[in-house]
Amino acid sequence: MAEVGHFLANGAWQEWPAEQAAAVGEFLRAWWTWTLTQPDLPEPAHEIFALCRDDPHWPGHRYA
C-alpha cells in the first residue's frame, strides 16, 4: 500500500490531462465505495481513505 500512496502522492495525477485525471479520480471514488461495503478488507480502511482523499473532487478536499 505504501508504494501506491507514494506514486499517487508524487505522480501529480491531478495535473494530468483531464480525461486521465478523471479516470484516476473515478477509480479512487469507486475503491472507497467498495471499501465501505467489504466486511474483510485486505488493507485497513484508514489507509485506503488516506489514498482516496487525494482526489481533488473528494468532499472537503482542500482543492474542491
PDB file of N, CA and C in Angstrom:
ATOM      1  N   MET A   1       0.822  -1.188   0.000  1.00  0.00           N
ATOM      2  CA  MET A   1       0.000   0.000   0.000  1.00  0.00           C
ATOM      3  C   MET A   1       0.867   1.253   0.000  1.00  0.00           C
ATOM      4  N   ALA A   2       1.994   1.190   0.649  1.00  0.00           N
ATOM      5  CA  ALA A   2       2.877   2.355   0.701  1.00  0.00           C
ATOM      6  C   ALA A   2       3.332   2.772  -0.691  1.00  0.00           C
ATOM      7  N   GLU A   3       3.567   1.789  -1.558  1.00  0.00           N
ATOM      8  CA  GLU A   3       4.014   2.106  -2.913  1.00  0.00           C
ATOM      9  C   GLU A   3       2.920   2.845  -3.682  1.00  0.00           C
ATOM     10  N   VAL A   4       1.687   2.401  -3.517  1.00  0.00           N
ATOM     11  CA  VAL A   4       0.564   3.057  -4.191  1.00  0.00           C
ATOM     12  C   VAL A   4       0.463   4.498  -3.716  1.00  0.00           C
ATOM     13  N   GLY A   5       0.536   4.692  -2.414  1.00  0.00           N
ATOM     14  CA  GLY A   5       0.483   6.045  -1.857  1.00  0.00           C
ATOM     15  C   GLY A   5       1.603   6.920  -2.373  1.00  0.00           C
ATOM     16  N   HIS A   6       2.789   6.349  -2.463  1.00  0.00           N
ATOM     17  CA  HIS A   6       3.939   7.110  -2.964  1.00  0.00           C
ATOM     18  C   HIS A   6       3.691   7.577  -4.392  1.00  0.00           C
ATOM     19  N   PHE A   7       3.229   6.668  -5.244  1.00  0.00           N
ATOM     20  CA  PHE A   7       3.017   7.033  -6.647  1.00  0.00           C
ATOM     21  C   PHE A   7       1.855   8.004  -6.815  1.00  0.00           C
ATOM     22  N   LEU A   8       0.796   7.845  -6.020  1.00  0.00           N
ATOM     23  CA  LEU A   8      -0.311   8.796  -6.108  1.00  0.00           C
ATOM     24  C   LEU A   8       0.111  10.172  -5.604  1.00  0.00           C
ATOM     25  N   ALA A   9       0.858  10.197  -4.523  1.00  0.00           N
ATOM     26  CA  ALA A   9       1.276  11.476  -3.949  1.00  0.00           C
ATOM     27  C   ALA A   9       2.285  12.201  -4.829  1.00  0.00           C
ATOM     28  N   ASN A  10       3.176  11.466  -5.462  1.00  0.00           N
ATOM     29  CA  ASN A  10       4.247  12.095  -6.236  1.00  0.00           C
ATOM     30  C   ASN A  10       3.996  12.107  -7.740  1.00  0.00           C
ATOM     31  N   GLY A  11       2.931  11.455  -8.178  1.00  0.00           N
ATOM     32  CA  GLY A  11       2.664  11.363  -9.608  1.00  0.00           C
ATOM     33  C   GLY A  11       1.961  12.568 -10.192  1.00  0.00           C
ATOM     34  N   ALA A  12       1.513  13.476  -9.337  1.00  0.00           N
ATOM     35  CA  ALA A  12       0.805  14.681  -9.779  1.00  0.00           C
ATOM     36  C   ALA A  12      -0.313  14.330 -10.764  1.00  0.00           C
ATOM     37  N   TRP A  13      -1.033  13.242 -10.482  1.00  0.00           N
ATOM     38  CA  TRP A  13      -2.078  12.792 -11.405  1.00  0.00           C
ATOM     39  C   TRP A  13      -3.179  13.823 -11.562  1.00  0.00           C
ATOM     40  N   GLN A  14      -3.371  14.683 -10.569  1.00  0.00           N
ATOM     41  CA  GLN A  14      -4.391  15.723 -10.664  1.00  0.00           C
ATOM     42  C   GLN A  14      -4.073  16.720 -11.783  1.00  0.00           C
ATOM     43  N   GLU A  15      -2.808  16.754 -12.198  1.00  0.00           N
ATOM     44  CA  GLU A  15      -2.373  17.680 -13.242  1.00  0.00           C
ATOM     45  C   GLU A  15      -2.277  17.009 -14.610  1.00  0.00           C
ATOM     46  N   TRP A  16      -2.612  15.735 -14.698  1.00  0.00           N
ATOM     47  CA  TRP A  16      -2.594  15.020 -15.975  1.00  0.00           C
ATOM     48  C   TRP A  16      -3.694  15.578 -16.867  1.00  0.00           C
ATOM     49  N   PRO A  17      -3.706  15.203 -18.137  1.00  0.00           N
ATOM     50  CA  PRO A  17      -4.824  15.607 -18.997  1.00  0.00           C
ATOM     51  C   PRO A  17      -6.153  15.246 -18.332  1.00  0.00           C
ATOM     52  N   ALA A  18      -7.152  16.079 -18.551  1.00  0.00           N
ATOM     53  CA  ALA A  18      -8.424  15.979 -17.832  1.00  0.00           C
ATOM     54  C   ALA A  18      -9.023  14.578 -17.872  1.00  0.00           C
ATOM     55  N   GLU A  19      -9.017  13.928 -19.016  1.00  0.00           N
ATOM     56  CA  GLU A  19      -9.628  12.605 -19.131  1.00  0.00           C
ATOM     57  C   GLU A  19      -8.888  11.576 -18.280  1.00  0.00           C
ATOM     58  N   GLN A  20      -7.575  11.648 -18.254  1.00  0.00           N
ATOM     59  CA  GLN A  20      -6.787  10.705 -17.460  1.00  0.00           C
ATOM     60  C   GLN A  20      -6.953  10.974 -15.970  1.00  0.00           C
ATOM     61  N   ALA A  21      -6.909  12.247 -15.577  1.00  0.00           N
ATOM     62  CA  ALA A  21      -7.086  12.601 -14.163  1.00  0.00           C
ATOM     63  C   ALA A  21      -8.474  12.191 -13.692  1.00  0.00           C
ATOM     64  N   ALA A  22      -9.485  12.375 -14.539  1.00  0.00           N
ATOM     65  CA  ALA A  22     -10.847  11.982 -14.172  1.00  0.00           C
ATOM     66  C   ALA A  22     -10.935  10.472 -13.968  1.00  0.00           C
ATOM     67  N   ALA A  23     -10.231   9.706 -14.791  1.00  0.00           N
ATOM     68  CA  ALA A  23     -10.246   8.243 -14.653  1.00  0.00           C
ATOM     69  C   ALA A  23      -9.632   7.816 -13.330  1.00  0.00           C
ATOM     70  N   VAL A  24      -8.539   8.442 -12.937  1.00  0.00           N
ATOM     71  CA  VAL A  24      -7.911   8.106 -11.651  1.00  0.00           C
ATOM     72  C   VAL A  24      -8.852   8.481 -10.510  1.00  0.00           C
ATOM     73  N   GLY A  25      -9.445   9.677 -10.581  1.00  0.00           N
ATOM     74  CA  GLY A  25     -10.383  10.102  -9.546  1.00  0.00           C
ATOM     75  C   GLY A  25     -11.583   9.177  -9.450  1.00  0.00           C
ATOM     76  N   GLU A  26     -12.099   8.743 -10.592  1.00  0.00           N
ATOM     77  CA  GLU A  26     -13.234   7.818 -10.603  1.00  0.00           C
ATOM     78  C   GLU A  26     -12.846   6.487  -9.958  1.00  0.00           C
ATOM     79  N   PHE A  27     -11.647   6.018 -10.265  1.00  0.00           N
ATOM     80  CA  PHE A  27     -11.169   4.780  -9.647  1.00  0.00           C
ATOM     81  C   PHE A  27     -11.082   4.932  -8.131  1.00  0.00           C
ATOM     82  N   LEU A  28     -10.520   6.040  -7.659  1.00  0.00           N
ATOM     83  CA  LEU A  28     -10.368   6.238  -6.213  1.00  0.00           C
ATOM     84  C   LEU A  28     -11.719   6.282  -5.513  1.00  0.00           C
ATOM     85  N   ARG A  29     -12.693   6.968  -6.113  1.00  0.00           N
ATOM     86  CA  ARG A  29     -14.025   7.022  -5.504  1.00  0.00           C
ATOM     87  C   ARG A  29     -14.682   5.641  -5.502  1.00  0.00           C
ATOM     88  N   ALA A  30     -14.501   4.881  -6.586  1.00  0.00           N
ATOM     89  CA  ALA A  30     -15.059   3.519  -6.641  1.00  0.00           C
ATOM     90  C   ALA A  30     -14.374   2.622  -5.610  1.00  0.00           C
ATOM     91  N   TRP A  31     -13.073   2.768  -5.462  1.00  0.00           N
ATOM     92  CA  TRP A  31     -12.327   1.974  -4.486  1.00  0.00           C
ATOM     93  C   TRP A  31     -12.838   2.265  -3.076  1.00  0.00           C
ATOM     94  N   TRP A  32     -13.066   3.546  -2.768  1.00  0.00           N
ATOM     95  CA  TRP A  32     -13.543   3.901  -1.441  1.00  0.00           C
ATOM     96  C   TRP A  32     -14.951   3.338  -1.212  1.00  0.00           C
ATOM     97  N   THR A  33     -15.821   3.430  -2.200  1.00  0.00           N
ATOM     98  CA  THR A  33     -17.167   2.872  -2.094  1.00  0.00           C
ATOM     99  C   THR A  33     -17.103   1.367  -1.848  1.00  0.00           C
ATOM    100  N   TRP A  34     -16.248   0.689  -2.604  1.00  0.00           N
ATOM    101  CA  TRP A  34     -16.061  -0.747  -2.408  1.00  0.00           C
ATOM    102  C   TRP A  34     -15.578  -1.028  -0.988  1.00  0.00           C
ATOM    103  N   THR A  35     -14.624  -0.221  -0.516  1.00  0.00           N
ATOM    104  CA  THR A  35     -14.057  -0.398   0.827  1.00  0.00           C
ATOM    105  C   THR A  35     -15.145  -0.349   1.891  1.00  0.00           C
ATOM    106  N   LEU A  36     -16.087   0.570   1.723  1.00  0.00           N
ATOM    107  CA  LEU A  36     -17.143   0.734   2.719  1.00  0.00           C
ATOM    108  C   LEU A  36     -18.120  -0.437   2.763  1.00  0.00           C
ATOM    109  N   THR A  37     -18.103  -1.273   1.748  1.00  0.00           N
ATOM    110  CA  THR A  37     -19.059  -2.379   1.691  1.00  0.00           C
ATOM    111  C   THR A  37     -18.443  -3.739   2.005  1.00  0.00           C
ATOM    112  N   GLN A  38     -17.155  -3.780   2.289  1.00  0.00           N
ATOM    113  CA  GLN A  38     -16.466  -5.055   2.499  1.00  0.00           C
ATOM    114  C   GLN A  38     -16.319  -5.382   3.973  1.00  0.00           C
ATOM    115  N   PRO A  39     -16.690  -6.601   4.369  1.00  0.00           N
ATOM    116  CA  PRO A  39     -16.534  -6.986   5.775  1.00  0.00           C
ATOM    117  C   PRO A  39     -15.077  -7.283   6.152  1.00  0.00           C
ATOM    118  N   ASP A  40     -14.303  -7.827   5.218  1.00  0.00           N
ATOM    119  CA  ASP A  40     -12.908  -8.181   5.497  1.00  0.00           C
ATOM    120  C   ASP A  40     -12.014  -7.539   4.443  1.00  0.00           C
ATOM    121  N   LEU A  41     -11.369  -6.479   4.836  1.00  0.00           N
ATOM    122  CA  LEU A  41     -10.542  -5.733   3.886  1.00  0.00           C
ATOM    123  C   LEU A  41      -9.109  -6.264   3.844  1.00  0.00           C
ATOM    124  N   PRO A  42      -8.500  -6.254   2.668  1.00  0.00           N
ATOM    125  CA  PRO A  42      -7.104  -6.666   2.589  1.00  0.00           C
ATOM    126  C   PRO A  42      -6.156  -5.623   3.194  1.00  0.00           C
ATOM    127  N   GLU A  43      -6.618  -4.384   3.270  1.00  0.00           N
ATOM    128  CA  GLU A  43      -5.846  -3.290   3.864  1.00  0.00           C
ATOM    129  C   GLU A  43      -6.766  -2.529   4.819  1.00  0.00           C
ATOM    130  N   PRO A  44      -6.220  -1.902   5.854  1.00  0.00           N
ATOM    131  CA  PRO A  44      -7.070  -1.126   6.771  1.00  0.00           C
ATOM    132  C   PRO A  44      -7.770   0.023   6.028  1.00  0.00           C
ATOM    133  N   ALA A  45      -9.025   0.242   6.360  1.00  0.00           N
ATOM    134  CA  ALA A  45      -9.817   1.283   5.695  1.00  0.00           C
ATOM    135  C   ALA A  45      -9.164   2.659   5.807  1.00  0.00           C
ATOM    136  N   HIS A  46      -8.521   2.956   6.933  1.00  0.00           N
ATOM    137  CA  HIS A  46      -7.926   4.288   7.079  1.00  0.00           C
ATOM    138  C   HIS A  46      -6.785   4.508   6.082  1.00  0.00           C
ATOM    139  N   GLU A  47      -6.093   3.446   5.690  1.00  0.00           N
ATOM    140  CA  GLU A  47      -5.036   3.591   4.690  1.00  0.00           C
ATOM    141  C   GLU A  47      -5.627   3.849   3.305  1.00  0.00           C
ATOM    142  N   ILE A  48      -6.697   3.162   2.992  1.00  0.00           N
ATOM    143  CA  ILE A  48      -7.359   3.377   1.709  1.00  0.00           C
ATOM    144  C   ILE A  48      -7.946   4.784   1.669  1.00  0.00           C
ATOM    145  N   PHE A  49      -8.552   5.220   2.768  1.00  0.00           N
ATOM    146  CA  PHE A  49      -9.096   6.574   2.829  1.00  0.00           C
ATOM    147  C   PHE A  49      -8.010   7.616   2.579  1.00  0.00           C
ATOM    148  N   ALA A  50      -6.855   7.423   3.192  1.00  0.00           N
ATOM    149  CA  ALA A  50      -5.757   8.378   3.024  1.00  0.00           C
ATOM    150  C   ALA A  50      -5.351   8.503   1.562  1.00  0.00           C
ATOM    151  N   LEU A  51      -5.404   7.414   0.816  1.00  0.00           N
ATOM    152  CA  LEU A  51      -5.069   7.467  -0.608  1.00  0.00           C
ATOM    153  C   LEU A  51      -6.186   8.119  -1.408  1.00  0.00           C
ATOM    154  N   CYS A  52      -7.415   7.752  -1.117  1.00  0.00           N
ATOM    155  CA  CYS A  52      -8.549   8.224  -1.905  1.00  0.00           C
ATOM    156  C   CYS A  52      -8.814   9.709  -1.722  1.00  0.00           C
ATOM    157  N   ARG A  53      -8.527  10.249  -0.566  1.00  0.00           N
ATOM    158  CA  ARG A  53      -8.826  11.662  -0.337  1.00  0.00           C
ATOM    159  C   ARG A  53      -7.924  12.595  -1.126  1.00  0.00           C
ATOM    160  N   ASP A  54      -6.920  12.061  -1.815  1.00  0.00           N
ATOM    161  CA  ASP A  54      -6.084  12.890  -2.672  1.00  0.00           C
ATOM    162  C   ASP A  54      -6.810  13.325  -3.940  1.00  0.00           C
ATOM    163  N   ASP A  55      -8.005  12.763  -4.167  1.00  0.00           N
ATOM    164  CA  ASP A  55      -8.822  13.158  -5.311  1.00  0.00           C
ATOM    165  C   ASP A  55      -9.305  14.589  -5.064  1.00  0.00           C
ATOM    166  N   PRO A  56      -9.007  15.540  -5.968  1.00  0.00           N
ATOM    167  CA  PRO A  56      -9.413  16.922  -5.733  1.00  0.00           C
ATOM    168  C   PRO A  56     -10.925  17.113  -5.712  1.00  0.00           C
ATOM    169  N   HIS A  57     -11.698  16.128  -6.144  1.00  0.00           N
ATOM    170  CA  HIS A  57     -13.149  16.234  -6.132  1.00  0.00           C
ATOM    171  C   HIS A  57     -13.752  15.567  -4.897  1.00  0.00           C
ATOM    172  N   TRP A  58     -12.884  15.045  -4.034  1.00  0.00           N
ATOM    173  CA  TRP A  58     -13.336  14.411  -2.796  1.00  0.00           C
ATOM    174  C   TRP A  58     -13.980  15.482  -1.913  1.00  0.00           C
ATOM    175  N   PRO A  59     -15.144  15.208  -1.338  1.00  0.00           N
ATOM    176  CA  PRO A  59     -15.788  16.215  -0.476  1.00  0.00           C
ATOM    177  C   PRO A  59     -14.843  16.691   0.630  1.00  0.00           C
ATOM    178  N   GLY A  60     -14.731  17.982   0.754  1.00  0.00           N
ATOM    179  CA  GLY A  60     -13.888  18.574   1.791  1.00  0.00           C
ATOM    180  C   GLY A  60     -12.421  18.652   1.423  1.00  0.00           C
ATOM    181  N   HIS A  61     -12.067  18.229   0.223  1.00  0.00           N
ATOM    182  CA  HIS A  61     -10.662  18.302  -0.194  1.00  0.00           C
ATOM    183  C   HIS A  61     -10.235  19.761  -0.273  1.00  0.00           C
ATOM    184  N   ARG A  62      -9.004  20.028   0.023  1.00  0.00           N
ATOM    185  CA  ARG A  62      -8.521  21.412   0.065  1.00  0.00           C
ATOM    186  C   ARG A  62      -8.597  22.106  -1.294  1.00  0.00           C
ATOM    187  N   TYR A  63      -8.692  21.342  -2.397  1.00  0.00           N
ATOM    188  CA  TYR A  63      -8.800  21.953  -3.714  1.00  0.00           C
ATOM    189  C   TYR A  63     -10.209  21.869  -4.294  1.00  0.00           C
ATOM    190  N   ALA A  64     -11.138  21.294  -3.532  1.00  0.00           N
ATOM    191  CA  ALA A  64     -12.520  21.126  -4.053  1.00  0.00           C
ATOM    192  C   ALA A  64     -13.209  22.463  -4.196  1.00  0.00           C
TER     193      ALA A  64
END
